[in-house]
Amino acid sequence: MKLVQHFTDFLTDVVNLNATRIDQLEDSVTALKTFVRDSSWEPRVRSFAGQGSWAHKTIIKPVEKKPFDADLLVYIDPKADWTAAQYVNTLYDVFAANGTYKDKVKAWSHCVTVTYAGERKIDIAPCLVDRDGVARLEVCNRDLDAFERSEPRLYTDWLIERNGWTGGNGLRKVTRLLKYLRDIKGNFTCPSVLLTTLLGLRITEADNTNTTDFADVPTALKTIVGRLDDWLQANTTRPTVLNPKLASETLSNAWDDVRYANFRSKIHTYRTWIDDAYDEADRDESIGKWRRVFGDDFAKSVTIERAAAVSTEAVVLAKSAGFAPQTFLGDLVNLFAQFGSRALPPGFDRLAHKQRPAWRVLQPPAFGVKVVATLHTQRTGGAWIDMVVPLPKHHWLKFDVRTPVGTPISADYEVYWRVTNTDRAAKDAGCLRGEILKSNDGSSHWEQLEFRGVHTVEAFIVRPRDQVLIAQSAPFYVVIG
């Protein structure tokens, strides 16, 4: 399911750099321009221009409260007999000598960086125009003391053109989504300029009239990631990726063979997940699958509210089904005690806040499994007492997984558990959970009973040698009074 509005909200609320930060960035850049122009720095300043994700409008909100970066080029006239390192070093010197910037500035290989209280960083890079009378642009490599060709304006124009061909800023939005995916997952390496180029190369002029494959954000995402995966799968070894506007710059040098192989593998996995979420017809299941791709902040408020409102939904359905007037409806706990799993609202076992398994799934499963549980007064050494419905709070359940004939699972396999809470009490405590966890006692798993509601526990059996999910249990319903 496409869930177009959820993608719009996700971009606006989570991925995109918010307007306040953009305003702060622009104010800082204005101040930096004025400072450089008015400083004692010797090169004559021609102009300034944004570069990188800021110029390309693919800048995203940093994850984990890290500062975000913006790049500012300073186009200058060359100085006779100056080396490449001198341009960066002398620019650093004028900042370091100023009371406002001396504690915020640092010199790097191609730029000086001004950091604002951990919130944002602005890289200021000298760019020489027509050195030695040759029509060209060059940046300065301080570490190698060498000049390097650059074509930032042409590259930006190239991206803008391809973004226009996708309509509705499709390329730009997909680039932001994949940069966010890269940053939250942290399991593949691809510098922004290389990633942006790879995505831009997947767009052709024929897409200018292609309204089907870029009809909306999720469709554009499916299209572009699918094309990227097709290209990666066709290139079994590390390919050469050049700057499309500067053939002397090999962007793929940012990878070695291992990093490329890992990137190729991860994109293939995410392409599979994206296609699965896009094609899923059930709304809650689709949300859950999109969350497998982008994390728990996708459709966050919707998933939480649905899980919190299961009692309300169940009571409404019970009333509409014409239960006898004397039946006490109450909440889902009461209904389950009277009618068992028939009282559960539709989709209860597929609630969107449940984490979807990331393992490759064996089809058909290797064998059947079921969850069994025992009730205890405490986690270790407590009495084993009779199961009742509803269960009393503050007791403990010990969960084990068995084959249908009652035998334990072989120690050759790993057992994971998904513990999912529902209803208002768990929601109010911020404890709806739903994540997949490793067993906390060998292959067994202990949980303390805490929140009134009907909750689920599921077991996943994983084959360690290839990390394949070979079996999964049905939900075991935990009803707490």
Protein backbone atom coordinates (compact mmCIF):
# COMPACT_ATOMS: atom_id res chain seq x y z
CA MET A 1 0.00 0.00 0.00
CA LYS A 2 1.34 3.39 -0.95
CA LEU A 3 0.26 5.39 2.14
CA VAL A 4 1.00 8.66 0.37
CA GLN A 5 -0.09 10.91 3.23
CA HIS A 6 2.06 9.01 5.71
CA PHE A 7 5.07 9.59 3.46
CA THR A 8 4.23 13.29 3.25
CA ASP A 9 4.02 13.51 7.03
CA PHE A 10 7.18 11.44 7.50
CA LEU A 11 9.19 13.71 5.23
CA THR A 12 7.81 16.85 6.85
CA ASP A 13 8.05 15.78 10.49
CA VAL A 14 11.06 13.46 10.56
CA VAL A 15 13.30 13.61 7.49
CA ASN A 16 13.34 17.16 6.17
CA LEU A 17 15.39 19.86 7.84
CA ASN A 18 12.81 22.09 9.50
CA ALA A 19 12.25 25.72 8.57
CA THR A 20 13.72 27.07 11.81
CA ARG A 21 17.02 25.34 11.19
CA ILE A 22 17.09 26.46 7.57
CA ASP A 23 16.53 30.07 8.68
CA GLN A 24 19.34 29.74 11.25
CA LEU A 25 21.61 28.28 8.57
CA GLU A 26 20.88 31.10 6.15
CA ASP A 27 21.46 33.73 8.86
CA SER A 28 24.81 32.13 9.72
CA VAL A 29 25.82 31.94 6.06
CA THR A 30 24.99 35.61 5.58
CA ALA A 31 27.17 36.51 8.56
CA LEU A 32 30.02 34.34 7.26
CA LYS A 33 29.89 35.94 3.82
CA THR A 34 30.09 39.39 5.36
CA PHE A 35 32.95 38.37 7.61
CA VAL A 36 35.04 36.89 4.78
CA ARG A 37 34.47 39.88 2.51
CA ASP A 38 35.41 42.34 5.25
CA SER A 39 38.34 40.35 6.60
CA SER A 40 42.04 40.75 5.86
CA TRP A 41 42.10 37.57 3.78
CA GLU A 42 44.14 38.47 0.72
CA PRO A 43 42.41 36.71 -2.20
CA ARG A 44 39.75 38.81 -3.94
CA VAL A 45 36.32 37.28 -3.38
CA ARG A 46 34.20 37.04 -6.51
CA SER A 47 31.09 35.35 -5.13
CA PHE A 48 29.70 32.63 -2.89
CA ALA A 49 27.62 29.56 -3.67
CA GLY A 50 26.12 26.69 -1.78
CA GLN A 51 27.41 23.23 -2.53
CA GLY A 52 26.44 19.65 -1.70
CA SER A 53 23.15 18.66 -0.13
CA TRP A 54 22.28 22.23 0.80
CA ALA A 55 22.57 23.38 -2.82
CA HIS A 56 20.90 20.22 -4.10
CA LYS A 57 18.02 20.58 -1.58
CA THR A 58 18.60 17.07 -0.30
CA ILE A 59 19.77 18.11 3.15
CA ILE A 60 18.05 16.16 5.94
CA LYS A 61 17.56 16.46 9.66
CA PRO A 62 20.51 14.76 11.39
CA VAL A 63 19.80 11.62 13.38
CA GLU A 64 20.71 11.24 17.07
CA LYS A 65 20.82 15.05 17.55
CA LYS A 66 24.06 15.37 15.61
CA PRO A 67 24.87 18.68 13.90
CA PHE A 68 23.95 19.03 10.25
CA ASP A 69 26.46 20.15 7.63
CA ALA A 70 26.23 22.77 4.90
CA ASP A 71 28.91 23.60 2.33
CA LEU A 72 29.74 27.14 1.19
CA LEU A 73 32.12 27.76 -1.71
CA VAL A 74 34.09 31.01 -1.88
CA TYR A 75 34.95 31.79 -5.49
CA ILE A 76 38.19 33.75 -5.52
CA ASP A 77 40.83 35.12 -7.86
CA PRO A 78 44.13 33.23 -7.58
CA LYS A 79 47.15 34.77 -5.86
CA ALA A 80 50.45 34.62 -7.63
CA ASP A 81 52.80 31.97 -6.21
CA TRP A 82 50.35 30.77 -3.56
CA THR A 83 50.20 27.05 -2.94
CA ALA A 84 46.92 25.17 -2.46
CA ALA A 85 47.54 24.80 1.27
CA GLN A 86 48.02 28.54 1.71
CA TYR A 87 44.46 29.32 0.68
CA VAL A 88 42.97 27.07 3.35
CA ASN A 89 45.55 27.95 6.02
CA THR A 90 45.21 31.70 5.61
CA LEU A 91 41.41 31.48 5.60
CA TYR A 92 41.64 29.55 8.85
CA ASP A 93 43.96 32.19 10.29
CA VAL A 94 41.51 35.05 9.78
CA PHE A 95 38.74 33.09 11.49
CA ALA A 96 41.01 31.97 14.35
CA ALA A 97 42.06 35.58 14.98
CA ASN A 98 38.46 36.72 15.41
CA GLY A 99 36.81 36.67 18.85
CA THR A 100 33.50 35.43 17.47
CA TYR A 101 34.90 32.46 15.58
CA LYS A 102 38.20 31.51 17.23
CA ASP A 103 36.66 28.79 19.39
CA LYS A 104 34.37 27.51 16.63
CA VAL A 105 36.73 27.06 13.70
CA LYS A 106 38.82 24.12 12.55
CA ALA A 107 40.84 23.50 9.39
CA TRP A 108 40.36 20.38 7.28
CA SER A 109 41.75 19.10 3.99
CA HIS A 110 39.66 21.31 1.67
CA CYS A 111 37.91 23.80 3.95
CA VAL A 112 37.58 25.47 7.28
CA THR A 113 34.60 24.49 9.39
CA VAL A 114 32.65 26.72 11.75
CA THR A 115 30.58 24.77 14.29
CA TYR A 116 27.66 26.38 16.07
CA ALA A 117 27.09 24.82 19.51
CA GLY A 118 26.72 21.33 18.09
CA GLU A 119 23.64 22.35 16.11
CA ARG A 120 25.10 22.97 12.68
CA LYS A 121 28.44 23.06 10.91
CA ILE A 122 29.30 25.17 7.88
CA ASP A 123 32.25 24.20 5.69
CA ILE A 124 33.81 27.15 3.84
CA ALA A 125 35.95 26.03 0.92
CA PRO A 126 38.08 28.28 -1.33
CA CYS A 127 37.45 27.71 -5.04
CA LEU A 128 39.90 29.29 -7.48
CA VAL A 129 38.64 30.71 -10.76
CA ASP A 130 40.84 30.43 -13.89
CA ARG A 131 44.21 29.88 -12.22
CA ASP A 132 47.16 30.51 -14.58
CA GLY A 133 44.75 31.95 -17.13
CA VAL A 134 43.13 28.57 -17.81
CA ALA A 135 39.31 28.54 -17.74
CA ARG A 136 38.54 26.16 -14.87
CA LEU A 137 37.43 25.90 -11.25
CA GLU A 138 39.70 24.35 -8.62
CA VAL A 139 39.41 23.55 -4.94
CA CYS A 140 42.41 23.32 -2.64
CA ASN A 141 43.66 20.11 -1.04
CA ARG A 142 45.51 21.30 2.04
CA ASP A 143 46.80 17.85 3.00
CA LEU A 144 48.37 17.16 -0.40
CA ASP A 145 49.06 20.84 -1.12
CA ALA A 146 47.45 20.34 -4.53
CA PHE A 147 44.78 21.98 -6.65
CA GLU A 148 41.86 19.78 -7.77
CA ARG A 149 39.38 20.38 -10.56
CA SER A 150 35.77 20.92 -9.57
CA GLU A 151 32.47 21.60 -11.36
CA PRO A 152 29.96 22.28 -8.57
CA ARG A 153 27.66 24.49 -10.64
CA LEU A 154 27.38 22.03 -13.53
CA TYR A 155 26.79 19.13 -11.14
CA THR A 156 24.01 21.00 -9.35
CA ASP A 157 22.40 21.87 -12.69
CA TRP A 158 22.61 18.20 -13.72
CA LEU A 159 20.75 17.13 -10.58
CA ILE A 160 18.14 19.85 -10.91
CA GLU A 161 17.41 18.74 -14.46
CA ARG A 162 16.93 15.10 -13.47
CA ASN A 163 14.82 16.03 -10.49
CA GLY A 164 12.59 18.00 -12.86
CA TRP A 165 12.18 14.93 -15.10
CA THR A 166 10.69 12.96 -12.18
CA GLY A 167 7.97 15.54 -11.50
CA GLY A 168 6.92 16.59 -8.02
CA ASN A 169 10.57 16.63 -6.86
CA GLY A 170 10.55 12.83 -6.92
CA LEU A 171 14.32 12.39 -7.18
CA ARG A 172 14.97 14.96 -4.47
CA LYS A 173 12.53 13.35 -2.01
CA VAL A 174 13.78 9.82 -2.69
CA THR A 175 17.35 11.01 -2.13
CA ARG A 176 16.37 12.41 1.25
CA LEU A 177 14.62 9.17 2.19
CA LEU A 178 17.62 7.04 1.27
CA LYS A 179 20.03 9.33 3.10
CA TYR A 180 17.80 8.98 6.14
CA LEU A 181 17.73 5.20 5.67
CA ARG A 182 21.53 5.14 5.46
CA ASP A 183 21.87 7.20 8.63
CA ILE A 184 19.35 5.35 10.82
CA LYS A 185 20.45 1.88 9.74
CA GLY A 186 24.17 2.62 9.86
CA ASN A 187 24.95 -0.67 8.12
CA PHE A 188 26.22 0.51 4.74
CA THR A 189 28.70 3.12 3.56
CA CYS A 190 27.93 5.55 0.75
CA PRO A 191 28.98 9.22 0.87
CA SER A 192 26.20 11.62 -0.02
CA VAL A 193 27.72 12.77 -3.32
CA LEU A 194 28.13 9.16 -4.48
CA LEU A 195 24.63 8.17 -3.36
CA THR A 196 23.13 11.26 -4.99
CA THR A 197 24.96 10.52 -8.23
CA LEU A 198 23.90 6.86 -8.27
CA LEU A 199 20.28 7.89 -7.89
CA GLY A 200 20.52 10.68 -10.46
CA LEU A 201 22.01 8.27 -13.00
CA ARG A 202 18.89 6.13 -12.70
CA ILE A 203 16.81 8.93 -14.22
CA THR A 204 16.73 9.55 -17.98
CA GLU A 205 15.13 12.18 -20.21
CA ALA A 206 12.44 9.64 -21.12
CA ASP A 207 11.16 9.99 -17.55
CA ASN A 208 10.11 13.54 -18.36
CA THR A 209 6.88 12.09 -19.79
CA ASN A 210 6.71 9.10 -17.45
CA THR A 211 3.89 9.94 -15.05
CA THR A 212 3.29 6.36 -13.91
CA ASP A 213 6.61 5.54 -12.23
CA PHE A 214 6.80 8.87 -10.39
CA ALA A 215 3.14 9.44 -9.57
CA ASP A 216 3.86 9.99 -5.87
CA VAL A 217 6.66 9.59 -3.33
CA PRO A 218 6.29 5.86 -2.52
CA THR A 219 5.98 5.04 -6.22
CA ALA A 220 9.07 7.12 -7.03
CA LEU A 221 10.91 5.36 -4.19
CA LYS A 222 9.95 1.92 -5.50
CA THR A 223 10.94 2.92 -9.04
CA ILE A 224 14.33 4.46 -8.27
CA VAL A 225 15.43 1.86 -5.71
CA GLY A 226 14.33 -0.88 -8.09
CA ARG A 227 16.43 0.61 -10.89
CA LEU A 228 19.39 1.04 -8.56
CA ASP A 229 19.14 -2.56 -7.38
CA ASP A 230 18.90 -3.84 -10.96
CA TRP A 231 22.07 -1.92 -11.83
CA LEU A 232 23.90 -3.11 -8.72
CA GLN A 233 22.95 -6.74 -9.30
CA ALA A 234 24.27 -6.46 -12.86
CA ASN A 235 27.61 -5.22 -11.45
CA THR A 236 28.93 -8.07 -9.34
CA THR A 237 32.26 -6.30 -8.80
CA ARG A 238 32.87 -2.68 -7.84
CA PRO A 239 32.01 -0.49 -10.84
CA THR A 240 33.51 2.85 -11.75
CA VAL A 241 31.21 5.77 -11.02
CA LEU A 242 32.39 9.10 -12.40
CA ASN A 243 31.20 12.59 -11.65
CA PRO A 244 28.80 13.10 -14.58
CA LYS A 245 30.16 16.62 -15.10
CA LEU A 246 33.82 15.99 -14.33
CA ALA A 247 35.13 12.74 -15.79
CA SER A 248 38.45 13.08 -13.96
CA GLU A 249 36.69 12.60 -10.60
CA THR A 250 36.01 8.96 -9.72
CA LEU A 251 33.36 9.02 -7.02
CA SER A 252 33.38 5.26 -6.49
CA ASN A 253 36.87 5.49 -4.98
CA ALA A 254 35.02 6.07 -1.71
CA TRP A 255 34.33 2.32 -1.72
CA ASP A 256 36.64 -0.63 -1.49
CA ASP A 257 35.47 -4.04 -2.70
CA VAL A 258 34.09 -5.05 0.70
CA ARG A 259 32.10 -1.84 1.15
CA TYR A 260 30.69 -2.08 -2.35
CA ALA A 261 29.61 -5.69 -1.83
CA ASN A 262 27.90 -4.71 1.41
CA PHE A 263 26.13 -1.73 -0.22
CA ARG A 264 24.97 -3.95 -3.07
CA SER A 265 23.60 -6.52 -0.61
CA LYS A 266 21.83 -3.99 1.62
CA ILE A 267 20.14 -2.17 -1.27
CA HIS A 268 18.88 -5.52 -2.55
CA THR A 269 17.38 -6.26 0.87
CA TYR A 270 15.77 -2.82 1.14
CA ARG A 271 14.42 -3.10 -2.39
CA THR A 272 12.73 -6.37 -1.37
CA TRP A 273 11.25 -4.74 1.74
CA ILE A 274 10.06 -1.66 -0.18
CA ASP A 275 8.34 -3.79 -2.82
CA ASP A 276 6.76 -5.91 -0.08
CA ALA A 277 5.41 -2.87 1.80
CA TYR A 278 4.20 -1.21 -1.41
CA ASP A 279 2.36 -4.33 -2.62
CA GLU A 280 0.81 -5.19 0.78
CA ALA A 281 -2.98 -4.74 0.62
CA ASP A 282 -3.64 -4.71 4.38
CA ARG A 283 -3.17 -1.18 5.76
CA ASP A 284 -1.76 -2.09 9.18
CA GLU A 285 0.50 -4.75 7.71
CA SER A 286 1.74 -2.27 5.11
CA ILE A 287 2.51 0.32 7.79
CA GLY A 288 4.41 -2.33 9.74
CA LYS A 289 6.41 -3.25 6.66
CA TRP A 290 7.22 0.39 5.86
CA ARG A 291 8.39 0.73 9.47
CA ARG A 292 10.72 -2.22 8.85
CA VAL A 293 12.32 -0.03 6.17
CA PHE A 294 12.31 3.38 7.85
CA GLY A 295 12.02 2.67 11.56
CA ASP A 296 9.49 3.41 14.26
CA ASP A 297 9.02 7.08 13.38
CA PHE A 298 7.11 6.18 10.22
CA ALA A 299 3.36 6.64 10.91
CA LYS A 300 4.24 6.73 14.60
CA SER A 301 1.16 8.43 16.00
CA VAL A 302 -1.22 6.29 13.94
CA THR A 303 0.33 3.00 14.97
CA ILE A 304 0.39 3.93 18.64
CA GLU A 305 -3.22 5.09 18.71
CA ARG A 306 -4.52 1.96 16.96
CA ALA A 307 -2.70 -0.26 19.46
CA ALA A 308 -3.98 1.82 22.38
CA ALA A 309 -7.58 1.70 21.19
CA VAL A 310 -8.06 -2.06 20.76
CA SER A 311 -10.54 -2.24 23.65
CA THR A 312 -12.68 0.55 22.21
CA GLU A 313 -12.66 -1.13 18.82
CA ALA A 314 -13.50 -4.55 20.28
CA VAL A 315 -16.42 -3.22 22.36
CA VAL A 316 -17.90 -1.39 19.36
CA LEU A 317 -17.67 -4.55 17.27
CA ALA A 318 -19.16 -6.67 20.05
CA LYS A 319 -22.13 -4.34 20.38
CA SER A 320 -22.70 -4.28 16.64
CA ALA A 321 -22.60 -8.09 16.59
CA GLY A 322 -25.60 -8.15 18.95
CA PHE A 323 -24.17 -9.74 22.07
CA ALA A 324 -26.86 -10.47 24.71
CA PRO A 325 -27.77 -7.34 26.74
CA GLN A 326 -26.77 -9.01 30.02
CA THR A 327 -23.25 -9.61 28.74
CA PHE A 328 -20.79 -7.27 30.45
CA LEU A 329 -18.70 -5.84 27.66
CA GLY A 330 -16.26 -3.71 29.69
CA ASP A 331 -13.00 -3.85 27.77
CA LEU A 332 -11.06 -6.36 25.70
CA VAL A 333 -9.89 -8.19 28.84
CA ASN A 334 -13.52 -8.89 29.83
CA LEU A 335 -14.46 -9.83 26.28
CA PHE A 336 -11.51 -12.20 25.90
CA ALA A 337 -12.33 -13.87 29.20
CA GLN A 338 -15.84 -14.59 27.89
CA PHE A 339 -15.32 -15.26 24.20
CA GLY A 340 -11.62 -16.01 23.73
CA SER A 341 -9.82 -14.89 20.60
CA ARG A 342 -13.17 -14.32 18.85
CA ALA A 343 -13.32 -11.03 20.78
CA LEU A 344 -10.16 -9.66 19.13
CA PRO A 345 -10.73 -6.86 16.60
CA PRO A 346 -9.69 -7.54 12.98
CA GLY A 347 -5.97 -7.15 12.39
CA PHE A 348 -5.09 -7.54 16.07
CA ASP A 349 -2.29 -9.98 15.23
CA ARG A 350 -0.93 -7.61 12.56
CA LEU A 351 -0.82 -4.35 14.53
CA ALA A 352 1.46 -1.92 12.79
CA HIS A 353 3.68 -1.18 15.79
CA LYS A 354 4.98 -4.74 15.76
CA GLN A 355 8.50 -4.98 14.40
CA ARG A 356 8.53 -7.07 11.23
CA PRO A 357 11.23 -9.75 10.95
CA ALA A 358 14.28 -8.73 8.97
CA TRP A 359 15.53 -12.26 8.29
CA ARG A 360 15.08 -14.02 4.99
CA VAL A 361 12.11 -16.37 5.43
CA LEU A 362 12.22 -20.05 4.54
CA GLN A 363 9.17 -21.13 2.53
CA PRO A 364 7.61 -23.41 3.56
CA PRO A 365 8.74 -23.35 7.22
CA ALA A 366 11.06 -26.17 8.29
CA PHE A 367 8.63 -27.31 10.97
CA GLY A 368 5.79 -26.06 13.14
CA VAL A 369 6.34 -24.44 16.53
CA LYS A 370 4.14 -23.23 19.37
CA VAL A 371 4.66 -21.13 22.49
CA VAL A 372 3.98 -22.59 25.94
CA ALA A 373 4.07 -20.68 29.22
CA THR A 374 4.16 -21.25 32.96
CA LEU A 375 3.07 -18.76 35.64
CA HIS A 376 5.41 -17.99 38.56
CA THR A 377 5.37 -15.77 41.63
CA GLN A 378 8.86 -14.50 40.79
CA ARG A 379 11.35 -14.89 37.99
CA THR A 380 13.74 -17.30 39.69
CA GLY A 381 12.81 -19.75 42.41
CA GLY A 382 9.20 -18.67 42.55
CA ALA A 383 6.32 -21.10 42.79
CA TRP A 384 4.78 -22.45 39.63
CA ILE A 385 1.07 -21.71 39.93
CA ASP A 386 -2.04 -22.47 37.92
CA MET A 387 -2.79 -20.34 34.84
CA VAL A 388 -5.95 -18.24 35.07
CA VAL A 389 -7.66 -15.69 32.82
CA PRO A 390 -7.12 -12.87 33.39
CA LEU A 391 -3.65 -13.24 34.90
CA PRO A 392 -2.71 -11.27 38.03
CA LYS A 393 -0.31 -8.35 37.72
CA HIS A 394 3.26 -8.52 39.05
CA HIS A 395 3.58 -12.29 38.55
CA TRP A 396 5.97 -13.71 35.96
CA LEU A 397 5.49 -15.83 32.85
CA LYS A 398 8.22 -18.09 31.54
CA PHE A 399 7.84 -18.75 27.81
CA ASP A 400 9.27 -21.71 25.96
CA VAL A 401 8.89 -22.88 22.39
CA ARG A 402 8.00 -26.42 21.44
CA THR A 403 7.35 -28.46 18.31
CA PRO A 404 3.70 -29.55 17.85
CA VAL A 405 4.48 -32.87 19.56
CA GLY A 406 5.89 -31.08 22.59
CA THR A 407 9.65 -31.51 22.09
CA PRO A 408 12.05 -28.59 22.75
CA ILE A 409 13.77 -26.76 19.91
CA SER A 410 17.27 -27.97 19.10
CA ALA A 411 20.16 -25.95 20.52
CA ASP A 412 21.41 -25.67 16.93
CA TYR A 413 18.89 -22.87 16.41
CA GLU A 414 18.52 -19.38 17.87
CA VAL A 415 15.21 -18.37 19.45
CA TYR A 416 13.94 -14.79 19.31
CA TRP A 417 10.76 -13.37 20.85
CA ARG A 418 8.35 -10.61 19.91
CA VAL A 419 6.51 -9.23 22.94
CA THR A 420 3.71 -6.87 21.96
CA ASN A 421 1.61 -4.89 24.41
CA THR A 422 -1.71 -3.23 23.59
CA ASP A 423 -4.39 -1.08 25.18
CA ARG A 424 -4.42 2.18 27.08
CA ALA A 425 -2.42 1.25 30.19
CA ALA A 426 0.63 0.15 28.20
CA LYS A 427 0.31 3.15 25.89
CA ASP A 428 0.14 5.61 28.79
CA ALA A 429 3.28 4.03 30.25
CA GLY A 430 5.08 4.32 26.89
CA CYS A 431 5.43 0.54 26.81
CA LEU A 432 3.58 -0.79 23.76
CA ARG A 433 6.81 -2.48 22.71
CA GLY A 434 6.57 -4.90 19.75
CA GLU A 435 10.30 -5.28 19.15
CA ILE A 436 11.99 -8.60 18.40
CA LEU A 437 14.34 -9.68 21.19
CA LYS A 438 16.88 -12.43 21.81
CA SER A 439 15.86 -14.92 24.51
CA ASN A 440 16.76 -13.72 28.01
CA ASP A 441 17.20 -17.22 29.54
CA GLY A 442 18.78 -19.66 27.11
CA SER A 443 16.02 -20.34 24.61
CA SER A 444 13.37 -19.32 27.16
CA HIS A 445 12.02 -15.85 27.82
CA TRP A 446 10.72 -14.26 31.04
CA GLU A 447 8.22 -11.41 31.25
CA GLN A 448 6.63 -9.73 34.25
CA LEU A 449 2.89 -9.05 34.10
CA GLU A 450 2.28 -5.34 34.39
CA PHE A 451 -0.35 -3.73 32.15
CA ARG A 452 -4.04 -4.53 31.92
CA GLY A 453 -4.85 -5.69 28.42
CA VAL A 454 -4.53 -8.49 25.91
CA HIS A 455 -0.95 -8.83 24.73
CA THR A 456 0.90 -11.27 22.46
CA VAL A 457 4.14 -13.23 22.58
CA GLU A 458 5.57 -14.90 19.46
CA ALA A 459 8.66 -17.02 18.89
CA PHE A 460 10.99 -16.92 15.88
CA ILE A 461 13.39 -19.77 15.12
CA VAL A 462 16.50 -18.68 13.23
CA ARG A 463 19.19 -20.83 11.63
CA PRO A 464 22.49 -19.18 12.69
CA ARG A 465 24.69 -20.24 9.78
CA ASP A 466 22.75 -18.20 7.22
CA GLN A 467 20.41 -16.13 9.44
CA VAL A 468 17.28 -17.57 7.84
CA LEU A 469 13.94 -17.58 9.67
CA ILE A 470 12.92 -21.23 9.47
CA ALA A 471 9.83 -21.23 11.72
CA GLN A 472 7.51 -18.83 13.51
CA SER A 473 4.86 -19.49 16.12
CA ALA A 474 1.29 -18.26 16.18
CA PRO A 475 0.63 -15.53 18.78
CA PHE A 476 0.31 -16.63 22.39
CA TYR A 477 -2.27 -14.35 24.04
CA VAL A 478 -1.42 -12.96 27.48
CA VAL A 479 -4.47 -11.52 29.22
CA ILE A 480 -3.64 -9.37 32.26
CA GLY A 481 -6.32 -8.11 34.65
